[in-house]
């Protein structure tokens, strides 16, 4: 059974840097570019989550 990893990162290059090695190790990566997309994709379960700590799309803080 393939383990699923959810990666939430708004920077496209960082997202690639994080997801590529995980995919090479055999993980199924569920990538979300924004926190809002992550909220919409929560129906698909993951074994663990890696996320960015700066969710400007979810808050009004800048």
N, C-alpha and C. Protein backbone atom coordinates (compact mmCIF):
# COMPACT_ATOMS: atom_id res chain seq x y z
N UNK A 1 0.84 -1.19 0.00
CA UNK A 1 0.00 0.00 0.00
C UNK A 1 0.88 1.25 0.00
N UNK A 2 0.62 2.13 -0.92
CA UNK A 2 1.39 3.36 -1.05
C UNK A 2 0.97 4.36 0.02
N UNK A 3 1.94 4.96 0.68
CA UNK A 3 1.66 5.99 1.69
C UNK A 3 1.42 7.32 0.98
N UNK A 4 0.45 8.07 1.47
CA UNK A 4 0.10 9.36 0.87
C UNK A 4 0.64 10.50 1.74
N UNK A 5 1.21 11.49 1.06
CA UNK A 5 1.74 12.67 1.71
C UNK A 5 1.06 13.89 1.11
N UNK A 6 0.52 14.75 1.95
CA UNK A 6 -0.04 16.01 1.46
C UNK A 6 1.02 17.09 1.66
N UNK A 7 1.35 17.81 0.58
CA UNK A 7 2.32 18.90 0.64
C UNK A 7 1.60 20.18 0.27
N UNK A 8 1.66 21.17 1.16
CA UNK A 8 1.01 22.46 0.94
C UNK A 8 2.09 23.52 0.90
N UNK A 9 2.28 24.11 -0.27
CA UNK A 9 3.34 25.11 -0.46
C UNK A 9 2.92 26.03 -1.59
N UNK A 10 2.94 27.34 -1.36
CA UNK A 10 2.50 28.28 -2.39
C UNK A 10 3.59 28.65 -3.39
N UNK A 11 4.83 28.37 -3.08
CA UNK A 11 5.94 28.64 -4.00
C UNK A 11 6.14 27.40 -4.89
N UNK A 12 5.94 27.57 -6.19
CA UNK A 12 5.98 26.44 -7.12
C UNK A 12 7.33 25.72 -7.12
N UNK A 13 8.43 26.47 -7.04
CA UNK A 13 9.76 25.84 -7.02
C UNK A 13 9.97 25.03 -5.74
N UNK A 14 9.56 25.58 -4.61
CA UNK A 14 9.67 24.84 -3.34
C UNK A 14 8.82 23.59 -3.37
N UNK A 15 7.65 23.69 -3.97
CA UNK A 15 6.76 22.54 -4.08
C UNK A 15 7.45 21.42 -4.87
N UNK A 16 8.12 21.78 -5.95
CA UNK A 16 8.85 20.78 -6.74
C UNK A 16 9.99 20.16 -5.94
N UNK A 17 10.73 20.99 -5.21
CA UNK A 17 11.86 20.50 -4.42
C UNK A 17 11.40 19.53 -3.34
N UNK A 18 10.23 19.76 -2.79
CA UNK A 18 9.71 18.89 -1.74
C UNK A 18 9.11 17.62 -2.32
N UNK A 19 8.32 17.75 -3.38
CA UNK A 19 7.59 16.59 -3.90
C UNK A 19 8.46 15.61 -4.67
N UNK A 20 9.45 16.08 -5.39
CA UNK A 20 10.26 15.19 -6.23
C UNK A 20 10.91 14.05 -5.43
N UNK A 21 11.64 14.34 -4.35
CA UNK A 21 12.26 13.23 -3.61
C UNK A 21 11.24 12.28 -2.98
N UNK A 22 10.11 12.82 -2.55
CA UNK A 22 9.07 11.97 -1.97
C UNK A 22 8.53 10.99 -3.01
N UNK A 23 8.29 11.49 -4.21
CA UNK A 23 7.80 10.63 -5.29
C UNK A 23 8.85 9.58 -5.66
N UNK A 24 10.10 9.97 -5.67
CA UNK A 24 11.18 9.02 -5.97
C UNK A 24 11.28 7.91 -4.92
N UNK A 25 10.90 8.23 -3.69
CA UNK A 25 10.91 7.24 -2.61
C UNK A 25 9.65 6.38 -2.60
N UNK A 26 8.72 6.65 -3.53
CA UNK A 26 7.54 5.82 -3.66
C UNK A 26 6.28 6.34 -2.99
N UNK A 27 6.35 7.55 -2.44
CA UNK A 27 5.16 8.14 -1.81
C UNK A 27 4.22 8.70 -2.88
N UNK A 28 2.93 8.64 -2.62
CA UNK A 28 1.97 9.32 -3.46
C UNK A 28 1.80 10.71 -2.88
N UNK A 29 2.14 11.73 -3.66
CA UNK A 29 2.11 13.11 -3.18
C UNK A 29 0.85 13.80 -3.65
N UNK A 30 0.13 14.39 -2.69
CA UNK A 30 -1.05 15.19 -2.98
C UNK A 30 -0.62 16.64 -2.75
N UNK A 31 -0.40 17.38 -3.82
CA UNK A 31 0.14 18.74 -3.71
C UNK A 31 -0.98 19.77 -3.75
N UNK A 32 -0.87 20.77 -2.89
CA UNK A 32 -1.79 21.91 -2.87
C UNK A 32 -0.95 23.17 -2.87
N UNK A 33 -1.26 24.08 -3.81
CA UNK A 33 -0.48 25.31 -3.90
C UNK A 33 -0.92 26.37 -2.91
N UNK A 34 -2.14 26.28 -2.42
CA UNK A 34 -2.61 27.28 -1.46
C UNK A 34 -3.39 26.60 -0.34
N UNK A 35 -3.51 27.29 0.74
CA UNK A 35 -4.29 26.77 1.86
C UNK A 35 -5.74 26.55 1.48
N UNK A 36 -6.29 27.41 0.64
CA UNK A 36 -7.70 27.27 0.21
C UNK A 36 -7.88 25.98 -0.57
N UNK A 37 -6.98 25.66 -1.48
CA UNK A 37 -7.06 24.40 -2.21
C UNK A 37 -6.91 23.22 -1.27
N UNK A 38 -6.09 23.40 -0.25
CA UNK A 38 -5.93 22.34 0.73
C UNK A 38 -7.25 22.08 1.44
N UNK A 39 -7.95 23.12 1.81
CA UNK A 39 -9.24 22.95 2.48
C UNK A 39 -10.21 22.20 1.57
N UNK A 40 -10.21 22.50 0.30
CA UNK A 40 -11.12 21.84 -0.64
C UNK A 40 -10.73 20.38 -0.88
N UNK A 41 -9.46 20.07 -0.74
CA UNK A 41 -8.97 18.71 -1.02
C UNK A 41 -8.94 17.81 0.21
N UNK A 42 -9.41 18.29 1.34
CA UNK A 42 -9.32 17.51 2.57
C UNK A 42 -10.08 16.18 2.53
N UNK A 43 -10.97 16.02 1.58
CA UNK A 43 -11.72 14.76 1.47
C UNK A 43 -10.78 13.60 1.17
N UNK A 44 -9.67 13.87 0.51
CA UNK A 44 -8.69 12.83 0.21
C UNK A 44 -7.71 12.74 1.37
N UNK A 45 -7.71 11.62 2.06
CA UNK A 45 -6.90 11.45 3.26
C UNK A 45 -5.43 11.22 2.91
N UNK A 46 -4.57 11.68 3.81
CA UNK A 46 -3.13 11.48 3.66
C UNK A 46 -2.58 10.91 4.97
N UNK A 47 -1.44 10.21 4.87
CA UNK A 47 -0.81 9.64 6.05
C UNK A 47 -0.07 10.71 6.86
N UNK A 48 0.49 11.70 6.18
CA UNK A 48 1.08 12.83 6.88
C UNK A 48 1.10 14.05 5.98
N UNK A 49 1.33 15.22 6.61
CA UNK A 49 1.24 16.51 5.91
C UNK A 49 2.53 17.29 6.12
N UNK A 50 3.01 17.91 5.04
CA UNK A 50 4.12 18.85 5.10
C UNK A 50 3.54 20.17 4.58
N UNK A 51 3.70 21.25 5.37
CA UNK A 51 3.08 22.50 4.92
C UNK A 51 3.95 23.71 5.20
N UNK A 52 3.69 24.71 4.41
CA UNK A 52 4.27 26.03 4.56
C UNK A 52 3.63 26.67 5.80
N UNK A 53 4.36 27.51 6.49
CA UNK A 53 3.80 28.14 7.69
C UNK A 53 3.22 29.52 7.41
N UNK A 54 3.32 30.00 6.19
CA UNK A 54 2.85 31.34 5.85
C UNK A 54 1.66 31.22 4.89
N UNK A 55 0.45 31.17 5.45
CA UNK A 55 -0.75 31.04 4.63
C UNK A 55 -1.43 32.39 4.47
N UNK A 56 -0.90 33.20 3.62
CA UNK A 56 -1.49 34.52 3.42
C UNK A 56 -2.84 34.45 2.73
N UNK A 57 -3.10 33.35 2.02
CA UNK A 57 -4.39 33.23 1.36
C UNK A 57 -5.51 32.89 2.32
N UNK A 58 -5.16 32.40 3.53
CA UNK A 58 -6.18 32.05 4.51
C UNK A 58 -6.42 33.17 5.52
N UNK A 59 -5.44 34.03 5.69
CA UNK A 59 -5.59 35.11 6.66
C UNK A 59 -5.43 36.44 5.97
N UNK A 60 -5.75 37.49 6.67
CA UNK A 60 -5.58 38.83 6.10
C UNK A 60 -4.29 39.47 6.58
N UNK A 61 -3.48 38.74 7.30
CA UNK A 61 -2.21 39.26 7.82
C UNK A 61 -1.20 39.29 6.69
N UNK A 62 -0.45 40.33 6.60
CA UNK A 62 0.59 40.45 5.57
C UNK A 62 1.89 40.87 6.21
